[in-house]
Each structure stands twice: as structure tokens, then as C-alpha cells.
């Protein structure tokens, strides 16, 4: 992937020996083979890929709000001159992540589970802490030193390389799991940064309570619990920090009302406009197509491809966009790849759409792969539908490939074309009531247990008059 290659090219020219410098954020001496300029370059390239492949959430007011909070906090950190940038990406996962050198992103999914500006600031401070402490640069430097010491040609450790070169995304390096020490350090820095900017640090414990209640919420990005482990242990440390404070927090900023106004109307959960599954059938309202994957195969709607893997995990089908608008030309370009051979291409139509197909074979490090690819033109785009497996298994899977590829067709039903995402709506209570009474008076399309989760209350909680409470309504 482009990002992986750029990391290799940057690291390959680094000097083997360098001095240790004191990190201004942590006060600790750090050994780093990655300069600040290289760190910034990697982050900027990563940010471009994030925004191109995942996409920013289309709400300029919300983007400006998140950026304002982030820039204010970053300007008071120990590295204020970095090219900081803050944004919200279009993803349902509960996550936030920092890239080297300044870019920081929240998913819209994590915002729907927050209840105040201070809670957002607690996560913002944590991610800023990863950047100011140069945790990514430290990880890459340690990996390079280990490889040099072993006399190995590869720059990256196997753990980092396996993530950075993941076939499913060029953004793997952005979601490396930091060690326990780095996470604790980012928590400590985040606690400091949010207090410096006037926020109530008790919101950090509220975030950890929410995160500990979230168990495997769906999303395309790694969730917070995967990349930021042990929220319970970190809650205990936050309580210790709060107990050690000797100051009045009554005037500290919480910002509940302003935050609730900003997230009122935000998309909640997966957005069907980006495509969705009904059983094994994939439907895309915006692009107006459908395709059915084999029964029993695992399916996934990714940011740049829809994929499916066989039950035995030895065959793959994928749908993605291809360059150009002519299927025959796209097939010729595909067949011209070095190391790949294909049979005589077939041109014609697929369910009334211009298409071209061929079977192919390629030698890889894992052995010989054999597959079938179809390029189909529709609505000004060309799609590539490819199935492949090991040469020995191709006969067993060929019909599954042909069947799935042949199912690509137009969508014409208004019920699919007009389907809209669920959205978060904020209700100001006209009177005091319990959460269950609220759910009965203002129904949601999600269970009451999830309504309790996103509002950070218990099922039997009593809600005061005038409180702002979130519900989820159908699009």
C-alpha cells in the first residue's frame, strides 16, 4: 500500500545512530530514529488516506466544533507548532485515533456515545498525548533498532509490518496497539491537557465507564477497546488522579448543552447509504446495485471494498471500484500485470450491463492462485468483481464465483433506493420521568438498554425535568 511504502522509504534513509532527547511533554529522555519532519510527513500522508478512503462526516458545523476544541487544547500542549488537524470520520465504530505529527480523528460513532464537551475533551487530550509523547515514533524506532541488531533487511518488526501492509487497508499503521505504559502516559497527559484548557476532569472517568460498558459495538475501524485496552484499570488510575487534586472544580467546563446541540441529528449506527446486507445480499441505495454472496460465507462492507470469505477461509470474493469506464480496457490492464496469466477474455453484458470477464492464474509467495474476474460498467463507474483461491481449490469454488459475479444487477425498488440512516435526536424533558417512561413516551428504534448506554444512565434511572436525553429515530 502507498502508506506502507512511504514508511519504508522514510525509515530506510534514517541514520543508524542518533542522540537521545528529552521529550518536553513527558520529561523523559527518548531515543528516536524518526525526526519530527519525518513524523509530520507520515502523519500528513496518513491524514490524506483517512479522508480519501474513510471519508469525513458531512457536517461542517460539527467538524468546526471538534476542530475548535482540539486546536485549543493542542495550542496549550508542549508541541503547539505541529500542523494539528482534527476531524470526524464517517464511521459507526466507537473509536478515536491519532496519526504521527498532529492529525487526530474521531468517528461519529464515538460522538453518539458521549454526553458532554468535557467527555470529548478527555478523549481529545488522550490522543494529543500520544502525539506529544511521540509514541508512534518510539515504536518505529524500537522496531528498526531490533531489526538492525538482528542483521535483518526488513526495517519494520513483523508485528508492525503485518499491520502496515495489511491487504484490507493502507491505514494499518495508524491503529497500532500502544503498550500499557504508552496508554497510561497518554491518559496522564490527557488529564493534564483537559484541565489546562478548563474542562472538568471528572468527565474522563465518565468516558471510561461508558467504554467499559461497550462490548464489541460494530464498526469498520478497530474499536477503542481493541486499540486502547483495559478501561477498568485506567478508570482506577483516573480516580486516583481525581483524589489527588486539591482544587475547586465547580467552575470547570462540562459543556453538556452545547455538545448535545452539536450531535442532535447525527447519523447513528451503520449508514445504509454506504451499502448494507440483508442476509447474503448486498444492497447499495446510492450506487443503485445489488449482489448476492454465497450462503455460509462471511461478509464485510469495508471502506473501499465489499468482501466475502468462504466458511473454510480458503477462498475470497471481493467487489471494488476499478479505474476507467470501459470494462474491456480495465480487463486488459488487469491481465497485463507482471506474473499474471489469463485465458481469452469474454466480452458481452451482465444483466443488461456492459461487462468483460476472464479466468486468471498468478504465482505468489504462498503458492499459485487461480481466480475469475469480471469488470462491469454501471452508472458511469466500472466495478471489479473478483473471486480467487488456491489453484487446487479452484474447481470447488468456480461456480460460487460465477454465481456471485452474475448476481450484480440494478436496484429499482423505491424501498431500497429511499432507505435512510437512523439518527440521534435530543429531547428536552418536559417533566421528570424514568428512563423506561422516556422510552415509552419517546420510542427509539434501538432497545432501551442501548438508550441507557448512550445516555450514560442505568435502566432504572430517574431523569430530571429539563434534562437533555438522546433517542434514536428511523431515517
Protein backbone atom coordinates (compact mmCIF):
# COMPACT_ATOMS: atom_id res chain seq x y z
CA UNK A 1 0.00 0.00 0.00
CA UNK A 2 1.12 3.61 -0.56
CA UNK A 3 1.36 4.43 3.12
CA UNK A 4 3.35 1.29 3.86
CA UNK A 5 5.80 2.06 1.08
CA UNK A 6 6.23 5.65 2.23
CA UNK A 7 7.04 4.48 5.74
CA UNK A 8 9.66 2.13 4.38
CA UNK A 9 11.18 4.82 2.18
CA UNK A 10 11.33 7.29 5.05
CA UNK A 11 12.82 4.85 7.50
CA UNK A 12 15.29 3.40 5.04
CA UNK A 13 17.27 6.64 4.90
CA UNK A 14 17.37 7.28 8.63
CA UNK A 15 20.78 7.31 10.34
CA UNK A 16 21.56 4.27 12.43
CA UNK A 17 22.89 6.34 15.31
CA UNK A 18 21.23 9.36 16.88
CA UNK A 19 21.20 11.10 20.24
CA UNK A 20 18.60 10.88 22.96
CA UNK A 21 16.49 13.98 23.54
CA UNK A 22 14.23 14.93 26.41
CA UNK A 23 10.59 14.88 25.37
CA UNK A 24 9.00 18.15 26.53
CA UNK A 25 5.65 16.51 27.26
CA UNK A 26 6.84 13.56 29.33
CA UNK A 27 10.12 14.96 30.69
CA UNK A 28 11.75 11.66 29.77
CA UNK A 29 14.73 11.03 27.52
CA UNK A 30 13.66 9.39 24.28
CA UNK A 31 15.70 7.53 21.70
CA UNK A 32 14.21 8.10 18.26
CA UNK A 33 15.32 7.37 14.72
CA UNK A 34 12.35 9.32 13.35
CA UNK A 35 12.81 13.08 13.10
CA UNK A 36 9.96 15.49 13.70
CA UNK A 37 9.88 16.33 10.00
CA UNK A 38 9.54 12.66 9.07
CA UNK A 39 6.90 12.19 11.75
CA UNK A 40 4.90 15.09 10.30
CA UNK A 41 5.28 13.77 6.74
CA UNK A 42 3.93 10.36 7.71
CA UNK A 43 1.01 11.93 9.54
CA UNK A 44 0.09 14.18 6.65
CA UNK A 45 0.10 11.30 4.18
CA UNK A 46 -1.91 9.20 6.60
CA UNK A 47 -4.45 12.01 7.01
CA UNK A 48 -4.92 12.21 3.25
CA UNK A 49 -5.63 8.48 3.14
CA UNK A 50 -8.03 8.65 6.07
CA UNK A 51 -10.07 11.39 4.44
CA UNK A 52 -9.97 9.77 0.99
CA UNK A 53 -10.78 6.19 1.99
CA UNK A 54 -12.90 6.52 5.13
CA UNK A 55 -14.24 10.00 4.47
CA UNK A 56 -15.18 12.92 6.68
CA UNK A 57 -18.65 13.10 8.19
CA UNK A 58 -20.61 15.65 6.10
CA UNK A 59 -21.46 18.21 8.80
CA UNK A 60 -19.36 21.37 8.61
CA UNK A 61 -20.65 22.74 11.93
CA UNK A 62 -19.74 19.55 13.79
CA UNK A 63 -16.33 19.45 12.10
CA UNK A 64 -15.67 23.06 13.15
CA UNK A 65 -16.78 22.31 16.72
CA UNK A 66 -14.43 19.35 17.08
CA UNK A 67 -11.58 21.27 15.47
CA UNK A 68 -12.09 24.25 17.81
CA UNK A 69 -11.85 22.07 20.91
CA UNK A 70 -8.83 20.20 19.56
CA UNK A 71 -6.90 23.25 18.42
CA UNK A 72 -7.47 24.99 21.75
CA UNK A 73 -6.09 22.04 23.68
CA UNK A 74 -3.19 21.40 21.30
CA UNK A 75 -2.14 25.05 21.40
CA UNK A 76 -1.55 24.69 25.14
CA UNK A 77 0.43 21.46 24.82
CA UNK A 78 4.21 21.15 24.70
CA UNK A 79 4.19 20.88 20.88
CA UNK A 80 1.89 23.75 19.84
CA UNK A 81 3.56 24.39 16.47
CA UNK A 82 2.79 20.96 14.97
CA UNK A 83 0.38 21.05 12.00
CA UNK A 84 -2.53 19.89 14.14
CA UNK A 85 -5.78 18.96 12.43
CA UNK A 86 -8.94 17.48 13.93
CA UNK A 87 -11.88 15.86 12.23
CA UNK A 88 -14.80 13.44 12.42
CA UNK A 89 -14.79 10.45 10.07
CA UNK A 90 -17.85 8.74 8.64
CA UNK A 91 -17.79 5.52 10.62
CA UNK A 92 -20.08 3.87 13.16
CA UNK A 93 -17.26 2.37 15.23
CA UNK A 94 -16.56 3.69 18.72
CA UNK A 95 -13.06 4.98 18.19
CA UNK A 96 -10.66 7.90 18.08
CA UNK A 97 -7.11 7.80 16.75
CA UNK A 98 -4.02 9.95 16.37
CA UNK A 99 -1.56 9.95 13.48
CA UNK A 100 2.11 10.90 13.89
CA UNK A 101 2.79 14.62 13.91
CA UNK A 102 -0.65 16.08 14.57
CA UNK A 103 -3.75 14.71 12.75
CA UNK A 104 -6.41 13.37 15.13
CA UNK A 105 -9.79 11.90 14.21
CA UNK A 106 -12.98 10.91 16.00
CA UNK A 107 -15.52 8.55 14.48
CA UNK A 108 -19.10 9.75 14.51
CA UNK A 109 -19.81 6.52 16.42
CA UNK A 110 -17.89 7.59 19.50
CA UNK A 111 -19.55 11.03 19.47
CA UNK A 112 -23.00 9.43 19.67
CA UNK A 113 -21.92 7.75 22.91
CA UNK A 114 -20.61 10.95 24.54
CA UNK A 115 -22.73 13.35 26.58
CA UNK A 116 -20.65 16.49 27.00
CA UNK A 117 -17.88 18.60 25.54
CA UNK A 118 -15.72 17.66 28.53
CA UNK A 119 -16.05 13.96 27.70
CA UNK A 120 -14.92 14.71 24.15
CA UNK A 121 -12.05 16.78 25.55
CA UNK A 122 -10.93 13.85 27.70
CA UNK A 123 -10.52 11.65 24.62
CA UNK A 124 -9.04 14.57 22.67
CA UNK A 125 -6.43 15.09 25.38
CA UNK A 126 -5.54 11.41 25.36
CA UNK A 127 -4.96 11.40 21.60
CA UNK A 128 -2.98 14.65 21.77
CA UNK A 129 -0.89 12.92 24.42
CA UNK A 130 0.02 10.13 22.01
CA UNK A 131 1.30 12.77 19.58
CA UNK A 132 3.18 14.96 22.06
CA UNK A 133 4.80 11.89 23.64
CA UNK A 134 5.80 10.67 20.13
CA UNK A 135 4.54 7.15 20.83
CA UNK A 136 4.37 6.15 17.15
CA UNK A 137 7.92 7.37 16.52
CA UNK A 138 9.15 5.43 19.54
CA UNK A 139 7.52 2.21 18.33
CA UNK A 140 9.02 2.53 14.87
CA UNK A 141 12.45 3.39 16.27
CA UNK A 142 12.47 0.38 18.59
CA UNK A 143 11.42 -1.84 15.72
CA UNK A 144 14.22 -0.54 13.49
CA UNK A 145 16.87 -1.00 16.18
CA UNK A 146 15.71 -4.55 16.78
CA UNK A 147 15.98 -5.38 13.09
CA UNK A 148 19.41 -3.77 12.77
CA UNK A 149 20.64 -5.71 15.79
CA UNK A 150 19.45 -8.95 14.22
CA UNK A 151 21.01 -8.09 10.88
CA UNK A 152 17.63 -8.39 9.18
CA UNK A 153 16.95 -6.50 5.97
CA UNK A 154 13.38 -5.57 6.86
CA UNK A 155 13.06 -2.21 8.56
CA UNK A 156 9.85 -2.93 10.42
CA UNK A 157 9.23 -5.61 13.03
CA UNK A 158 6.91 -8.41 11.97
CA UNK A 159 4.16 -7.03 14.21
CA UNK A 160 4.29 -3.56 12.69
CA UNK A 161 4.87 -4.80 9.15
CA UNK A 162 1.89 -7.14 9.33
CA UNK A 163 -0.33 -4.21 10.25
CA UNK A 164 1.24 -1.66 7.93
CA UNK A 165 0.99 -3.99 4.97
CA UNK A 166 -2.47 -5.36 5.66
CA UNK A 167 -4.18 -6.14 2.37
CA UNK A 168 -7.52 -4.78 3.50
CA UNK A 169 -6.35 -1.23 4.22
CA UNK A 170 -3.39 1.06 3.77
CA UNK A 171 -4.11 2.62 7.16
CA UNK A 172 -2.96 -0.24 9.37
CA UNK A 173 -0.01 1.63 10.85
CA UNK A 174 -2.41 4.26 12.15
CA UNK A 175 -4.05 1.78 14.50
CA UNK A 176 -1.08 0.12 16.13
CA UNK A 177 -1.77 -1.02 19.66
CA UNK A 178 0.27 1.00 22.08
CA UNK A 179 1.73 -0.70 25.11
CA UNK A 180 0.34 -0.32 28.61
CA UNK A 181 2.95 2.32 29.52
CA UNK A 182 2.12 4.45 26.48
CA UNK A 183 -1.61 4.26 27.21
CA UNK A 184 -1.09 5.26 30.84
CA UNK A 185 1.16 8.11 29.74
CA UNK A 186 -1.43 9.35 27.22
CA UNK A 187 -4.10 9.21 29.94
CA UNK A 188 -1.93 11.25 32.28
CA UNK A 189 -1.18 13.82 29.59
CA UNK A 190 -4.82 13.97 28.53
CA UNK A 191 -5.87 14.58 32.12
CA UNK A 192 -3.39 17.45 32.28
CA UNK A 193 -4.38 18.96 28.93
CA UNK A 194 -8.13 18.97 29.60
CA UNK A 195 -7.57 20.66 32.97
CA UNK A 196 -5.22 23.23 31.44
CA UNK A 197 -7.98 24.12 29.00
CA UNK A 198 -10.54 24.46 31.78
CA UNK A 199 -12.51 21.22 31.37
CA UNK A 200 -13.88 19.16 34.24
CA UNK A 201 -11.51 16.16 34.55
CA UNK A 202 -14.26 14.06 36.10
CA UNK A 203 -15.54 13.61 32.55
CA UNK A 204 -12.60 11.30 31.90
CA UNK A 205 -13.95 8.76 34.39
CA UNK A 206 -17.38 9.04 32.73
CA UNK A 207 -15.77 8.09 29.43
CA UNK A 208 -14.05 5.06 30.92
CA UNK A 209 -17.32 3.92 32.50
CA UNK A 210 -19.03 4.14 29.10
CA UNK A 211 -16.20 2.32 27.36
CA UNK A 212 -16.26 -0.48 29.91
CA UNK A 213 -19.98 -0.95 29.19
CA UNK A 214 -19.46 -1.15 25.45
CA UNK A 215 -18.75 -4.69 24.31
CA UNK A 216 -17.98 -5.17 20.65
CA UNK A 217 -20.09 -2.48 19.05
CA UNK A 218 -19.98 -2.97 15.28
CA UNK A 219 -17.86 -0.77 13.08
CA UNK A 220 -15.34 -0.86 10.25
CA UNK A 221 -12.46 0.59 12.25
CA UNK A 222 -10.83 -1.11 15.22
CA UNK A 223 -12.84 -0.04 18.26
CA UNK A 224 -11.46 1.77 21.28
CA UNK A 225 -11.50 -1.38 23.41
CA UNK A 226 -9.23 -3.07 20.87
CA UNK A 227 -6.66 -0.30 20.43
CA UNK A 228 -6.97 1.17 23.94
CA UNK A 229 -7.12 -1.81 26.34
CA UNK A 230 -8.15 -2.12 29.99
CA UNK A 231 -10.65 0.74 30.55
CA UNK A 232 -11.40 -0.60 34.05
CA UNK A 233 -7.78 -0.37 35.18
CA UNK A 234 -7.49 3.09 33.68
CA UNK A 235 -10.66 4.15 35.49
CA UNK A 236 -9.00 3.26 38.78
CA UNK A 237 -5.97 5.39 37.92
CA UNK A 238 -8.23 8.28 36.91
CA UNK A 239 -9.99 8.05 40.28
CA UNK A 240 -6.58 8.22 41.95
CA UNK A 241 -5.69 11.36 39.98
CA UNK A 242 -9.00 12.96 40.92
CA UNK A 243 -8.47 12.10 44.58
CA UNK A 244 -5.06 13.77 44.47
CA UNK A 245 -6.48 17.05 43.14
CA UNK A 246 -6.65 19.91 45.56
CA UNK A 247 -8.83 22.38 43.71
CA UNK A 248 -12.40 23.51 43.30
CA UNK A 249 -13.94 22.05 40.14
CA UNK A 250 -17.29 23.83 40.40
CA UNK A 251 -16.37 26.29 37.62
CA UNK A 252 -14.78 23.69 35.32
CA UNK A 253 -16.34 23.40 31.86
CA UNK A 254 -18.67 20.48 31.20
CA UNK A 255 -20.44 21.83 28.11
CA UNK A 256 -23.33 19.37 28.03
CA UNK A 257 -25.92 21.59 26.32
CA UNK A 258 -23.59 22.84 23.59
CA UNK A 259 -22.40 19.31 22.86
CA UNK A 260 -25.92 17.92 22.73
CA UNK A 261 -26.92 20.60 20.23
CA UNK A 262 -23.99 19.65 18.01
CA UNK A 263 -24.81 15.93 17.88
CA UNK A 264 -28.59 16.35 17.53
CA UNK A 265 -29.41 14.75 14.18
CA UNK A 266 -26.11 12.86 13.75
CA UNK A 267 -26.30 9.51 11.96
CA UNK A 268 -26.47 6.62 14.43
CA UNK A 269 -25.13 3.16 13.63
CA UNK A 270 -24.29 1.89 10.19
CA UNK A 271 -25.33 4.15 7.33
CA UNK A 272 -27.33 2.21 4.72
CA UNK A 273 -26.47 4.87 2.14
CA UNK A 274 -22.99 3.32 2.17
CA UNK A 275 -24.45 -0.11 1.45
CA UNK A 276 -25.87 -2.79 3.70
CA UNK A 277 -26.50 -6.52 3.88
CA UNK A 278 -29.82 -8.33 4.08
CA UNK A 279 -28.69 -11.88 4.70
CA UNK A 280 -26.15 -12.61 1.97
CA UNK A 281 -27.47 -9.94 -0.39
CA UNK A 282 -25.59 -6.65 -0.51
CA UNK A 283 -27.65 -3.58 -1.42
CA UNK A 284 -26.34 -0.10 -2.16
CA UNK A 285 -29.01 2.65 -2.36
CA UNK A 286 -26.69 5.44 -3.52
CA UNK A 287 -24.94 3.39 -6.20
CA UNK A 288 -28.18 1.54 -7.08
CA UNK A 289 -26.85 -2.02 -7.33
CA UNK A 290 -27.26 -5.36 -5.61
CA UNK A 291 -25.16 -8.52 -5.41
CA UNK A 292 -25.61 -11.84 -3.59
CA UNK A 293 -22.73 -13.67 -1.92
CA UNK A 294 -22.61 -17.45 -1.37
CA UNK A 295 -24.57 -18.95 1.52
CA UNK A 296 -22.47 -19.55 4.61
CA UNK A 297 -19.69 -17.15 3.57
CA UNK A 298 -18.66 -14.37 5.96
CA UNK A 299 -19.32 -10.91 4.53
CA UNK A 300 -17.91 -7.45 5.27
CA UNK A 301 -18.74 -3.99 3.92
CA UNK A 302 -15.42 -2.17 4.07
CA UNK A 303 -14.49 1.38 3.22
CA UNK A 304 -13.02 0.51 -0.18
CA UNK A 305 -14.36 -2.98 -0.91
CA UNK A 306 -17.13 -5.42 -0.12
CA UNK A 307 -15.57 -8.78 0.69
CA UNK A 308 -16.66 -12.30 1.48
CA UNK A 309 -14.64 -15.28 2.68
CA UNK A 310 -15.61 -18.93 2.47
CA UNK A 311 -16.57 -20.93 5.54
CA UNK A 312 -13.25 -22.79 5.32
CA UNK A 313 -11.45 -19.44 4.89
CA UNK A 314 -9.71 -20.65 1.76
CA UNK A 315 -11.49 -18.58 -0.91
CA UNK A 316 -12.30 -14.88 -1.27
CA UNK A 317 -14.77 -12.79 -3.26
CA UNK A 318 -14.47 -9.02 -3.44
CA UNK A 319 -16.22 -6.12 -5.12
CA UNK A 320 -14.42 -2.81 -5.60
CA UNK A 321 -14.25 0.12 -8.00
CA UNK A 322 -11.87 -0.08 -10.94
CA UNK A 323 -10.21 2.66 -12.95
CA UNK A 324 -11.73 3.80 -16.21
CA UNK A 325 -15.20 3.38 -17.65
CA UNK A 326 -14.63 0.59 -20.19
CA UNK A 327 -14.77 -2.99 -18.83
CA UNK A 328 -12.73 -4.43 -21.71
CA UNK A 329 -9.93 -1.90 -21.20
CA UNK A 330 -9.98 -2.48 -17.45
CA UNK A 331 -9.66 -6.23 -18.04
CA UNK A 332 -6.73 -5.75 -20.42
CA UNK A 333 -4.93 -3.63 -17.81
CA UNK A 334 -5.59 -6.27 -15.17
CA UNK A 335 -4.32 -9.10 -17.38
CA UNK A 336 -1.15 -7.14 -18.24
CA UNK A 337 0.12 -7.31 -14.65
CA UNK A 338 3.51 -8.95 -14.27
CA UNK A 339 3.35 -12.55 -13.10
CA UNK A 340 -0.29 -12.99 -14.06
CA UNK A 341 -1.64 -15.09 -16.91
CA UNK A 342 -5.24 -15.19 -18.11
CA UNK A 343 -7.35 -17.03 -20.65
CA UNK A 344 -9.15 -15.48 -23.58
CA UNK A 345 -11.33 -12.62 -22.24
CA UNK A 346 -15.09 -12.73 -22.69
CA UNK A 347 -16.94 -9.52 -23.52
CA UNK A 348 -20.67 -9.01 -23.50
CA UNK A 349 -23.31 -7.99 -21.00
CA UNK A 350 -24.19 -8.88 -17.43
CA UNK A 351 -27.86 -8.40 -16.62
CA UNK A 352 -28.00 -5.79 -19.37
CA UNK A 353 -24.78 -4.02 -18.33
CA UNK A 354 -21.53 -3.92 -20.38
CA UNK A 355 -19.08 -6.45 -18.93
CA UNK A 356 -15.86 -8.35 -19.57
CA UNK A 357 -14.58 -11.46 -17.77
CA UNK A 358 -11.59 -13.79 -17.67
CA UNK A 359 -10.07 -16.54 -15.60
CA UNK A 360 -6.52 -15.91 -14.37
CA UNK A 361 -3.62 -17.51 -12.56
CA UNK A 362 -0.74 -15.99 -10.60
CA UNK A 363 2.32 -17.22 -8.71
CA UNK A 364 2.61 -15.80 -5.18
CA UNK A 365 4.82 -16.44 -2.16
CA UNK A 366 2.03 -18.59 -0.75
CA UNK A 367 1.66 -20.66 -3.92
CA UNK A 368 -0.32 -20.50 -7.16
CA UNK A 369 -3.63 -18.63 -7.03
CA UNK A 370 -6.38 -19.10 -9.55
CA UNK A 371 -9.40 -16.88 -9.92
CA UNK A 372 -12.09 -15.34 -12.06
CA UNK A 373 -12.59 -11.60 -12.54
CA UNK A 374 -15.48 -9.63 -14.03
CA UNK A 375 -15.47 -5.92 -14.86
CA UNK A 376 -18.90 -4.35 -15.26
CA UNK A 377 -19.86 -0.76 -16.20
CA UNK A 378 -22.83 0.86 -14.50
CA UNK A 379 -23.92 4.44 -13.88
CA UNK A 380 -20.59 5.90 -15.04
CA UNK A 381 -18.46 3.59 -12.88
CA UNK A 382 -16.62 0.34 -13.53
CA UNK A 383 -16.72 -2.35 -10.86
CA UNK A 384 -14.29 -5.24 -10.43
CA UNK A 385 -15.79 -8.43 -9.03
CA UNK A 386 -13.07 -10.99 -8.33
CA UNK A 387 -13.01 -14.41 -6.75
CA UNK A 388 -9.83 -16.37 -6.06
CA UNK A 389 -8.42 -19.32 -4.17
CA UNK A 390 -5.51 -21.75 -4.29
CA UNK A 391 -5.11 -23.50 -7.63
CA UNK A 392 -6.09 -26.87 -6.14
CA UNK A 393 -9.39 -25.47 -4.81
CA UNK A 394 -10.50 -23.55 -7.86
CA UNK A 395 -12.71 -26.28 -9.26
CA UNK A 396 -14.65 -26.47 -6.00
CA UNK A 397 -15.28 -22.73 -5.87
CA UNK A 398 -15.67 -21.76 -9.51
CA UNK A 399 -19.47 -21.96 -9.51
CA UNK A 400 -19.65 -19.83 -6.36
CA UNK A 401 -17.52 -17.20 -8.10
CA UNK A 402 -19.63 -17.29 -11.26
CA UNK A 403 -22.89 -17.15 -9.32
CA UNK A 404 -21.91 -14.16 -7.23
CA UNK A 405 -20.46 -12.28 -10.18
CA UNK A 406 -23.58 -12.99 -12.19
CA UNK A 407 -25.83 -11.59 -9.47
CA UNK A 408 -24.62 -8.00 -9.91
CA UNK A 409 -27.68 -6.06 -11.05
CA UNK A 410 -29.59 -2.80 -10.90
CA UNK A 411 -31.70 -1.85 -7.90
CA UNK A 412 -35.08 -0.36 -8.81
CA UNK A 413 -37.21 -0.80 -5.67
CA UNK A 414 -38.10 2.50 -4.01
CA UNK A 415 -37.94 0.85 -0.57
CA UNK A 416 -34.21 0.25 -1.10
CA UNK A 417 -33.35 3.40 -3.03
CA UNK A 418 -35.03 5.62 -0.43
CA UNK A 419 -33.75 3.92 2.71
CA UNK A 420 -32.25 6.43 5.14
CA UNK A 421 -29.99 6.02 8.19
CA UNK A 422 -31.17 6.14 11.78
CA UNK A 423 -30.39 9.39 13.55
CA UNK A 424 -29.82 10.60 17.07
CA UNK A 425 -32.40 13.07 18.37
CA UNK A 426 -32.14 15.04 21.61
CA UNK A 427 -35.27 15.58 23.69
CA UNK A 428 -35.51 18.17 26.48
CA UNK A 429 -37.75 16.52 29.08
CA UNK A 430 -40.96 18.45 29.82
CA UNK A 431 -41.23 16.68 33.19
CA UNK A 432 -39.28 14.27 35.38
CA UNK A 433 -39.59 10.62 34.36
CA UNK A 434 -37.75 7.32 34.49
CA UNK A 435 -35.72 6.10 31.55
CA UNK A 436 -38.30 3.41 30.84
CA UNK A 437 -41.05 6.05 30.85
CA UNK A 438 -38.95 8.14 28.47
CA UNK A 439 -38.53 5.15 26.15
CA UNK A 440 -42.30 4.62 26.16
CA UNK A 441 -43.09 8.30 25.55
CA UNK A 442 -40.30 8.85 23.02
CA UNK A 443 -39.68 5.45 21.42
CA UNK A 444 -36.36 4.57 19.81
CA UNK A 445 -35.60 2.07 17.07
CA UNK A 446 -32.94 0.56 19.36
CA UNK A 447 -33.59 -1.35 22.62
CA UNK A 448 -33.99 0.54 25.88
CA UNK A 449 -30.69 -0.97 27.04
CA UNK A 450 -28.90 0.86 24.25
CA UNK A 451 -30.77 4.07 25.04
CA UNK A 452 -29.44 3.74 28.59
CA UNK A 453 -25.91 3.20 27.28
CA UNK A 454 -25.79 6.24 25.02
CA UNK A 455 -27.24 8.41 27.79
CA UNK A 456 -24.83 7.03 30.40
CA UNK A 457 -27.61 6.12 32.83
CA UNK A 458 -28.95 2.94 34.41
CA UNK A 459 -32.16 1.30 33.19
CA UNK A 460 -33.98 2.35 36.36
CA UNK A 461 -32.61 5.91 36.39
CA UNK A 462 -34.92 8.82 37.11
CA UNK A 463 -34.38 11.76 34.77
CA UNK A 464 -34.95 15.34 35.89
CA UNK A 465 -37.22 17.84 34.17
CA UNK A 466 -35.29 19.85 31.58
CA UNK A 467 -32.61 17.19 31.09
CA UNK A 468 -31.49 16.57 27.52
CA UNK A 469 -31.92 12.90 26.65
CA UNK A 470 -30.92 11.08 23.46
CA UNK A 471 -33.15 8.77 21.44
CA UNK A 472 -32.63 7.04 18.07
CA UNK A 473 -35.23 7.56 15.36
CA UNK A 474 -35.67 5.91 11.98
CA UNK A 475 -34.49 7.75 8.92
